[in-house]
């Protein structure tokens, strides 16, 4: 455990097995447009094209007037309101 400013945070249990081979079905990203341009490509590189999860982002991540490079990078991403 760790104590910071009088608050003690317990250590995580060591007897919980780590999940292996589990897959993620979808990812919802809440970020600004500049943050999204960093996050989405990292997710794309970390996942195989066959096991790629559905990706969604809040409408705050999209701004009118985004250039063609942004639109190309965001291919497959769906924006919600």
Protein backbone atom coordinates (compact mmCIF):
# COMPACT_ATOMS: atom_id res chain seq x y z
CA UNK A 1 0.00 0.00 0.00
CA UNK A 2 0.97 3.64 -0.47
CA UNK A 3 0.20 6.65 1.72
CA UNK A 4 -0.07 10.06 0.07
CA UNK A 5 -1.10 13.16 2.03
CA UNK A 6 -2.61 11.00 4.77
CA UNK A 7 -4.63 8.86 2.34
CA UNK A 8 -3.65 5.19 2.23
CA UNK A 9 -4.19 3.41 -1.06
CA UNK A 10 -4.17 -0.36 -0.63
CA UNK A 11 -2.01 -2.50 -2.88
CA UNK A 12 -3.86 -4.47 -5.57
CA UNK A 13 -4.51 -8.11 -4.70
CA UNK A 14 -1.83 -10.41 -6.06
CA UNK A 15 -4.02 -13.51 -6.25
CA UNK A 16 -6.19 -12.20 -9.11
CA UNK A 17 -5.10 -13.81 -12.39
CA UNK A 18 -4.42 -11.51 -15.31
CA UNK A 19 -6.79 -11.88 -18.25
CA UNK A 20 -5.09 -13.49 -21.21
CA UNK A 21 -6.45 -13.82 -24.68
CA UNK A 22 -9.50 -11.69 -23.96
CA UNK A 23 -10.60 -9.34 -26.67
CA UNK A 24 -12.18 -5.91 -26.61
CA UNK A 25 -15.37 -5.42 -28.62
CA UNK A 26 -15.52 -1.63 -28.62
CA UNK A 27 -13.65 1.45 -27.47
CA UNK A 28 -15.27 4.79 -26.60
CA UNK A 29 -12.78 7.65 -26.59
CA UNK A 30 -13.49 10.92 -24.77
CA UNK A 31 -10.81 13.37 -25.84
CA UNK A 32 -10.16 16.65 -27.58
CA UNK A 33 -9.34 16.61 -31.28
CA UNK A 34 -5.60 16.93 -30.65
CA UNK A 35 -5.67 14.10 -28.08
CA UNK A 36 -7.68 11.91 -30.43
CA UNK A 37 -5.08 12.31 -33.19
CA UNK A 38 -2.60 10.65 -30.80
CA UNK A 39 -4.87 8.02 -29.23
CA UNK A 40 -6.55 6.47 -32.28
CA UNK A 41 -3.38 5.73 -34.27
CA UNK A 42 -1.87 4.07 -31.17
CA UNK A 43 -4.90 1.81 -30.86
CA UNK A 44 -4.70 1.02 -34.58
CA UNK A 45 -1.03 0.04 -34.27
CA UNK A 46 -1.61 -2.06 -31.15
CA UNK A 47 -4.41 -4.17 -32.64
CA UNK A 48 -4.45 -6.50 -35.60
CA UNK A 49 -6.73 -5.65 -38.49
CA UNK A 50 -8.70 -8.86 -37.93
CA UNK A 51 -9.34 -8.20 -34.22
CA UNK A 52 -9.83 -4.44 -34.44
CA UNK A 53 -12.55 -3.21 -32.03
CA UNK A 54 -15.31 -0.82 -33.05
CA UNK A 55 -14.23 2.70 -32.12
CA UNK A 56 -16.44 5.57 -31.05
CA UNK A 57 -15.66 9.11 -29.93
CA UNK A 58 -17.67 11.97 -28.49
CA UNK A 59 -18.62 14.83 -30.76
CA UNK A 60 -16.25 17.05 -28.77
CA UNK A 61 -13.43 15.20 -30.55
CA UNK A 62 -14.49 16.51 -33.94
CA UNK A 63 -14.34 20.09 -35.11
CA UNK A 64 -15.59 21.48 -38.40
CA UNK A 65 -12.85 22.30 -40.85
CA UNK A 66 -10.63 19.37 -39.96
CA UNK A 67 -8.34 18.68 -42.88
CA UNK A 68 -8.12 15.59 -45.07
CA UNK A 69 -5.25 14.17 -42.99
CA UNK A 70 -7.47 14.14 -39.89
CA UNK A 71 -10.32 12.48 -41.78
CA UNK A 72 -7.95 9.82 -43.14
CA UNK A 73 -6.52 9.08 -39.68
CA UNK A 74 -10.03 8.78 -38.23
CA UNK A 75 -11.23 6.23 -40.78
CA UNK A 76 -13.54 3.71 -39.10
CA UNK A 77 -14.19 5.94 -36.10
CA UNK A 78 -17.81 6.85 -35.42
CA UNK A 79 -18.69 10.11 -33.66
CA UNK A 80 -21.62 10.40 -31.27
CA UNK A 81 -23.47 13.40 -29.85
